[in-house]
Amino acid sequence: MRGQERTDGTARSTMQRALAAVLRRGDDRTVIEECRRCGTTLESASLCPACGGSDIVEYRIR
């Protein structure tokens, strides 16, 4: 997975964003959507904004 540059100069990977989403959850279940083509974490999208891929997978974590 490729890291993405933030405005403050630190890199934050897709996995780090996914883990942060899980740790901040308030309910018993978290759904993470990710593009299978490039690994970008998505928020309710049918097409990946990074690569245009349409093969989106959902991970449901309890």
PDB file of N, CA and C in Angstrom:
ATOM      1  N   MET A   1       0.833  -1.173   0.000  1.00  0.00           N
ATOM      2  CA  MET A   1       0.000   0.000   0.000  1.00  0.00           C
ATOM      3  C   MET A   1       0.878   1.236   0.000  1.00  0.00           C
ATOM      4  N   ARG A   2       0.418   2.231  -0.707  1.00  0.00           N
ATOM      5  CA  ARG A   2       1.168   3.466  -0.771  1.00  0.00           C
ATOM      6  C   ARG A   2       0.674   4.434   0.284  1.00  0.00           C
ATOM      7  N   GLY A   3       1.595   5.144   0.909  1.00  0.00           N
ATOM      8  CA  GLY A   3       1.218   6.195   1.851  1.00  0.00           C
ATOM      9  C   GLY A   3       0.753   7.425   1.099  1.00  0.00           C
ATOM     10  N   GLN A   4       0.002   8.247   1.734  1.00  0.00           N
ATOM     11  CA  GLN A   4      -0.452   9.473   1.114  1.00  0.00           C
ATOM     12  C   GLN A   4       0.063  10.642   1.927  1.00  0.00           C
ATOM     13  N   GLU A   5       0.594  11.629   1.247  1.00  0.00           N
ATOM     14  CA  GLU A   5       1.194  12.781   1.894  1.00  0.00           C
ATOM     15  C   GLU A   5       0.111  13.692   2.457  1.00  0.00           C
ATOM     16  N   ARG A   6       0.257  14.063   3.710  1.00  0.00           N
ATOM     17  CA  ARG A   6      -0.670  15.001   4.339  1.00  0.00           C
ATOM     18  C   ARG A   6      -0.086  16.403   4.268  1.00  0.00           C
ATOM     19  N   THR A   7      -0.920  17.382   4.526  1.00  0.00           N
ATOM     20  CA  THR A   7      -0.464  18.764   4.418  1.00  0.00           C
ATOM     21  C   THR A   7       0.608  19.114   5.442  1.00  0.00           C
ATOM     22  N   ASP A   8       0.645  18.408   6.572  1.00  0.00           N
ATOM     23  CA  ASP A   8       1.666  18.703   7.574  1.00  0.00           C
ATOM     24  C   ASP A   8       2.969  17.940   7.321  1.00  0.00           C
ATOM     25  N   GLY A   9       3.035  17.183   6.208  1.00  0.00           N
ATOM     26  CA  GLY A   9       4.264  16.514   5.821  1.00  0.00           C
ATOM     27  C   GLY A   9       4.409  15.089   6.306  1.00  0.00           C
ATOM     28  N   THR A  10       3.472  14.573   7.093  1.00  0.00           N
ATOM     29  CA  THR A  10       3.581  13.198   7.560  1.00  0.00           C
ATOM     30  C   THR A  10       2.781  12.279   6.647  1.00  0.00           C
ATOM     31  N   ALA A  11       3.240  11.065   6.473  1.00  0.00           N
ATOM     32  CA  ALA A  11       2.553  10.094   5.628  1.00  0.00           C
ATOM     33  C   ALA A  11       1.554   9.305   6.466  1.00  0.00           C
ATOM     34  N   ARG A  12       0.409   9.013   5.865  1.00  0.00           N
ATOM     35  CA  ARG A  12      -0.607   8.228   6.555  1.00  0.00           C
ATOM     36  C   ARG A  12      -1.127   7.181   5.592  1.00  0.00           C
ATOM     37  N   SER A  13      -0.895   5.928   5.883  1.00  0.00           N
ATOM     38  CA  SER A  13      -1.253   4.847   4.980  1.00  0.00           C
ATOM     39  C   SER A  13      -2.728   4.496   5.082  1.00  0.00           C
ATOM     40  N   THR A  14      -3.195   3.738   4.123  1.00  0.00           N
ATOM     41  CA  THR A  14      -4.569   3.253   4.110  1.00  0.00           C
ATOM     42  C   THR A  14      -4.848   2.416   5.343  1.00  0.00           C
ATOM     43  N   MET A  15      -3.914   1.595   5.738  1.00  0.00           N
ATOM     44  CA  MET A  15      -4.097   0.756   6.921  1.00  0.00           C
ATOM     45  C   MET A  15      -4.222   1.610   8.183  1.00  0.00           C
ATOM     46  N   GLN A  16      -3.442   2.646   8.288  1.00  0.00           N
ATOM     47  CA  GLN A  16      -3.536   3.524   9.449  1.00  0.00           C
ATOM     48  C   GLN A  16      -4.911   4.183   9.523  1.00  0.00           C
ATOM     49  N   ARG A  17      -5.450   4.618   8.375  1.00  0.00           N
ATOM     50  CA  ARG A  17      -6.787   5.215   8.355  1.00  0.00           C
ATOM     51  C   ARG A  17      -7.836   4.186   8.746  1.00  0.00           C
ATOM     52  N   ALA A  18      -7.694   2.955   8.260  1.00  0.00           N
ATOM     53  CA  ALA A  18      -8.656   1.906   8.592  1.00  0.00           C
ATOM     54  C   ALA A  18      -8.630   1.592  10.086  1.00  0.00           C
ATOM     55  N   LEU A  19      -7.439   1.480  10.648  1.00  0.00           N
ATOM     56  CA  LEU A  19      -7.327   1.215  12.082  1.00  0.00           C
ATOM     57  C   LEU A  19      -7.879   2.363  12.916  1.00  0.00           C
ATOM     58  N   ALA A  20      -7.630   3.577  12.492  1.00  0.00           N
ATOM     59  CA  ALA A  20      -8.162   4.734  13.215  1.00  0.00           C
ATOM     60  C   ALA A  20      -9.683   4.712  13.189  1.00  0.00           C
ATOM     61  N   ALA A  21     -10.278   4.329  12.054  1.00  0.00           N
ATOM     62  CA  ALA A  21     -11.735   4.254  11.955  1.00  0.00           C
ATOM     63  C   ALA A  21     -12.294   3.205  12.907  1.00  0.00           C
ATOM     64  N   VAL A  22     -11.600   2.089  13.051  1.00  0.00           N
ATOM     65  CA  VAL A  22     -12.048   1.025  13.948  1.00  0.00           C
ATOM     66  C   VAL A  22     -11.926   1.466  15.405  1.00  0.00           C
ATOM     67  N   LEU A  23     -10.835   2.106  15.748  1.00  0.00           N
ATOM     68  CA  LEU A  23     -10.606   2.510  17.134  1.00  0.00           C
ATOM     69  C   LEU A  23     -11.527   3.642  17.576  1.00  0.00           C
ATOM     70  N   ARG A  24     -11.997   4.454  16.643  1.00  0.00           N
ATOM     71  CA  ARG A  24     -12.890   5.564  16.981  1.00  0.00           C
ATOM     72  C   ARG A  24     -14.362   5.178  16.950  1.00  0.00           C
ATOM     73  N   ARG A  25     -14.668   3.958  16.619  1.00  0.00           N
ATOM     74  CA  ARG A  25     -16.074   3.573  16.458  1.00  0.00           C
ATOM     75  C   ARG A  25     -16.833   3.670  17.776  1.00  0.00           C
ATOM     76  N   GLY A  26     -18.136   3.964  17.666  1.00  0.00           N
ATOM     77  CA  GLY A  26     -18.959   4.108  18.842  1.00  0.00           C
ATOM     78  C   GLY A  26     -19.960   2.981  18.993  1.00  0.00           C
ATOM     79  N   ASP A  27     -20.189   2.222  17.943  1.00  0.00           N
ATOM     80  CA  ASP A  27     -21.153   1.126  18.007  1.00  0.00           C
ATOM     81  C   ASP A  27     -20.422  -0.209  17.980  1.00  0.00           C
ATOM     82  N   ASP A  28     -21.165  -1.272  17.848  1.00  0.00           N
ATOM     83  CA  ASP A  28     -20.582  -2.610  17.877  1.00  0.00           C
ATOM     84  C   ASP A  28     -20.045  -3.058  16.526  1.00  0.00           C
ATOM     85  N   ARG A  29     -20.300  -2.306  15.459  1.00  0.00           N
ATOM     86  CA  ARG A  29     -19.875  -2.749  14.140  1.00  0.00           C
ATOM     87  C   ARG A  29     -19.312  -1.585  13.342  1.00  0.00           C
ATOM     88  N   THR A  30     -18.250  -1.844  12.606  1.00  0.00           N
ATOM     89  CA  THR A  30     -17.653  -0.865  11.718  1.00  0.00           C
ATOM     90  C   THR A  30     -17.576  -1.469  10.332  1.00  0.00           C
ATOM     91  N   VAL A  31     -17.902  -0.673   9.322  1.00  0.00           N
ATOM     92  CA  VAL A  31     -17.796  -1.116   7.939  1.00  0.00           C
ATOM     93  C   VAL A  31     -16.728  -0.262   7.268  1.00  0.00           C
ATOM     94  N   ILE A  32     -15.743  -0.928   6.685  1.00  0.00           N
ATOM     95  CA  ILE A  32     -14.682  -0.246   5.955  1.00  0.00           C
ATOM     96  C   ILE A  32     -14.823  -0.631   4.493  1.00  0.00           C
ATOM     97  N   GLU A  33     -14.915   0.361   3.627  1.00  0.00           N
ATOM     98  CA  GLU A  33     -14.997   0.125   2.185  1.00  0.00           C
ATOM     99  C   GLU A  33     -13.642   0.443   1.580  1.00  0.00           C
ATOM    100  N   GLU A  34     -13.180  -0.458   0.710  1.00  0.00           N
ATOM    101  CA  GLU A  34     -11.844  -0.309   0.137  1.00  0.00           C
ATOM    102  C   GLU A  34     -11.860  -0.714  -1.327  1.00  0.00           C
ATOM    103  N   CYS A  35     -11.108  -0.002  -2.146  1.00  0.00           N
ATOM    104  CA  CYS A  35     -10.967  -0.343  -3.564  1.00  0.00           C
ATOM    105  C   CYS A  35     -10.024  -1.539  -3.684  1.00  0.00           C
ATOM    106  N   ARG A  36     -10.471  -2.570  -4.380  1.00  0.00           N
ATOM    107  CA  ARG A  36      -9.612  -3.753  -4.560  1.00  0.00           C
ATOM    108  C   ARG A  36      -8.485  -3.495  -5.542  1.00  0.00           C
ATOM    109  N   ARG A  37      -8.636  -2.510  -6.377  1.00  0.00           N
ATOM    110  CA  ARG A  37      -7.628  -2.223  -7.390  1.00  0.00           C
ATOM    111  C   ARG A  37      -6.408  -1.506  -6.811  1.00  0.00           C
ATOM    112  N   CYS A  38      -6.660  -0.454  -5.986  1.00  0.00           N
ATOM    113  CA  CYS A  38      -5.521   0.333  -5.484  1.00  0.00           C
ATOM    114  C   CYS A  38      -5.426   0.386  -3.955  1.00  0.00           C
ATOM    115  N   GLY A  39      -6.462  -0.103  -3.235  1.00  0.00           N
ATOM    116  CA  GLY A  39      -6.403  -0.139  -1.784  1.00  0.00           C
ATOM    117  C   GLY A  39      -6.856   1.123  -1.075  1.00  0.00           C
ATOM    118  N   THR A  40      -7.409   2.073  -1.817  1.00  0.00           N
ATOM    119  CA  THR A  40      -7.876   3.316  -1.209  1.00  0.00           C
ATOM    120  C   THR A  40      -9.105   3.051  -0.347  1.00  0.00           C
ATOM    121  N   THR A  41      -9.116   3.593   0.867  1.00  0.00           N
ATOM    122  CA  THR A  41     -10.280   3.494   1.746  1.00  0.00           C
ATOM    123  C   THR A  41     -11.309   4.515   1.285  1.00  0.00           C
ATOM    124  N   LEU A  42     -12.553   4.062   1.135  1.00  0.00           N
ATOM    125  CA  LEU A  42     -13.621   4.899   0.598  1.00  0.00           C
ATOM    126  C   LEU A  42     -14.700   5.146   1.623  1.00  0.00           C
ATOM    127  N   GLU A  43     -15.522   6.140   1.357  1.00  0.00           N
ATOM    128  CA  GLU A  43     -16.689   6.417   2.180  1.00  0.00           C
ATOM    129  C   GLU A  43     -17.913   6.430   1.276  1.00  0.00           C
ATOM    130  N   SER A  44     -18.623   5.313   1.223  1.00  0.00           N
ATOM    131  CA  SER A  44     -19.869   5.187   0.463  1.00  0.00           C
ATOM    132  C   SER A  44     -19.739   5.668  -0.978  1.00  0.00           C
ATOM    133  N   ALA A  45     -18.853   5.067  -1.712  1.00  0.00           N
ATOM    134  CA  ALA A  45     -18.668   5.409  -3.122  1.00  0.00           C
ATOM    135  C   ALA A  45     -18.776   4.157  -3.976  1.00  0.00           C
ATOM    136  N   SER A  46     -19.266   4.317  -5.195  1.00  0.00           N
ATOM    137  CA  SER A  46     -19.345   3.174  -6.093  1.00  0.00           C
ATOM    138  C   SER A  46     -18.151   3.127  -7.036  1.00  0.00           C
ATOM    139  N   LEU A  47     -17.453   4.248  -7.178  1.00  0.00           N
ATOM    140  CA  LEU A  47     -16.229   4.317  -7.969  1.00  0.00           C
ATOM    141  C   LEU A  47     -15.121   4.909  -7.114  1.00  0.00           C
ATOM    142  N   CYS A  48     -13.935   4.368  -7.256  1.00  0.00           N
ATOM    143  CA  CYS A  48     -12.785   4.866  -6.513  1.00  0.00           C
ATOM    144  C   CYS A  48     -12.333   6.202  -7.102  1.00  0.00           C
ATOM    145  N   PRO A  49     -12.235   7.241  -6.277  1.00  0.00           N
ATOM    146  CA  PRO A  49     -11.782   8.535  -6.794  1.00  0.00           C
ATOM    147  C   PRO A  49     -10.295   8.549  -7.157  1.00  0.00           C
ATOM    148  N   ALA A  50      -9.523   7.610  -6.617  1.00  0.00           N
ATOM    149  CA  ALA A  50      -8.083   7.578  -6.878  1.00  0.00           C
ATOM    150  C   ALA A  50      -7.743   6.918  -8.209  1.00  0.00           C
ATOM    151  N   CYS A  51      -8.426   5.789  -8.525  1.00  0.00           N
ATOM    152  CA  CYS A  51      -8.048   5.056  -9.736  1.00  0.00           C
ATOM    153  C   CYS A  51      -9.221   4.810 -10.693  1.00  0.00           C
ATOM    154  N   GLY A  52     -10.440   5.126 -10.268  1.00  0.00           N
ATOM    155  CA  GLY A  52     -11.605   4.924 -11.125  1.00  0.00           C
ATOM    156  C   GLY A  52     -12.141   3.507 -11.104  1.00  0.00           C
ATOM    157  N   GLY A  53     -11.570   2.648 -10.264  1.00  0.00           N
ATOM    158  CA  GLY A  53     -12.010   1.258 -10.177  1.00  0.00           C
ATOM    159  C   GLY A  53     -13.403   1.137  -9.576  1.00  0.00           C
ATOM    160  N   SER A  54     -14.120   0.104  -9.994  1.00  0.00           N
ATOM    161  CA  SER A  54     -15.476  -0.107  -9.485  1.00  0.00           C
ATOM    162  C   SER A  54     -15.588  -1.358  -8.620  1.00  0.00           C
ATOM    163  N   ASP A  55     -14.495  -2.061  -8.419  1.00  0.00           N
ATOM    164  CA  ASP A  55     -14.503  -3.269  -7.597  1.00  0.00           C
ATOM    165  C   ASP A  55     -14.228  -2.874  -6.148  1.00  0.00           C
ATOM    166  N   ILE A  56     -15.310  -2.624  -5.409  1.00  0.00           N
ATOM    167  CA  ILE A  56     -15.222  -2.145  -4.031  1.00  0.00           C
ATOM    168  C   ILE A  56     -15.575  -3.290  -3.086  1.00  0.00           C
ATOM    169  N   VAL A  57     -14.796  -3.461  -2.042  1.00  0.00           N
ATOM    170  CA  VAL A  57     -15.043  -4.509  -1.055  1.00  0.00           C
ATOM    171  C   VAL A  57     -15.402  -3.855   0.270  1.00  0.00           C
ATOM    172  N   GLU A  58     -16.276  -4.519   1.032  1.00  0.00           N
ATOM    173  CA  GLU A  58     -16.654  -4.044   2.363  1.00  0.00           C
ATOM    174  C   GLU A  58     -16.152  -5.029   3.406  1.00  0.00           C
ATOM    175  N   TYR A  59     -15.487  -4.506   4.423  1.00  0.00           N
ATOM    176  CA  TYR A  59     -15.050  -5.297   5.561  1.00  0.00           C
ATOM    177  C   TYR A  59     -15.925  -4.898   6.739  1.00  0.00           C
ATOM    178  N   ARG A  60     -16.617  -5.859   7.341  1.00  0.00           N
ATOM    179  CA  ARG A  60     -17.459  -5.595   8.491  1.00  0.00           C
ATOM    180  C   ARG A  60     -16.739  -6.110   9.731  1.00  0.00           C
ATOM    181  N   ILE A  61     -16.429  -5.196  10.630  1.00  0.00           N
ATOM    182  CA  ILE A  61     -15.667  -5.524  11.832  1.00  0.00           C
ATOM    183  C   ILE A  61     -16.549  -5.296  13.039  1.00  0.00           C
ATOM    184  N   ARG A  62     -16.603  -6.291  13.905  1.00  0.00           N
ATOM    185  CA  ARG A  62     -17.415  -6.180  15.135  1.00  0.00           C
ATOM    186  C   ARG A  62     -16.563  -5.827  16.307  1.00  0.00           C
TER     187      ARG A  62
END
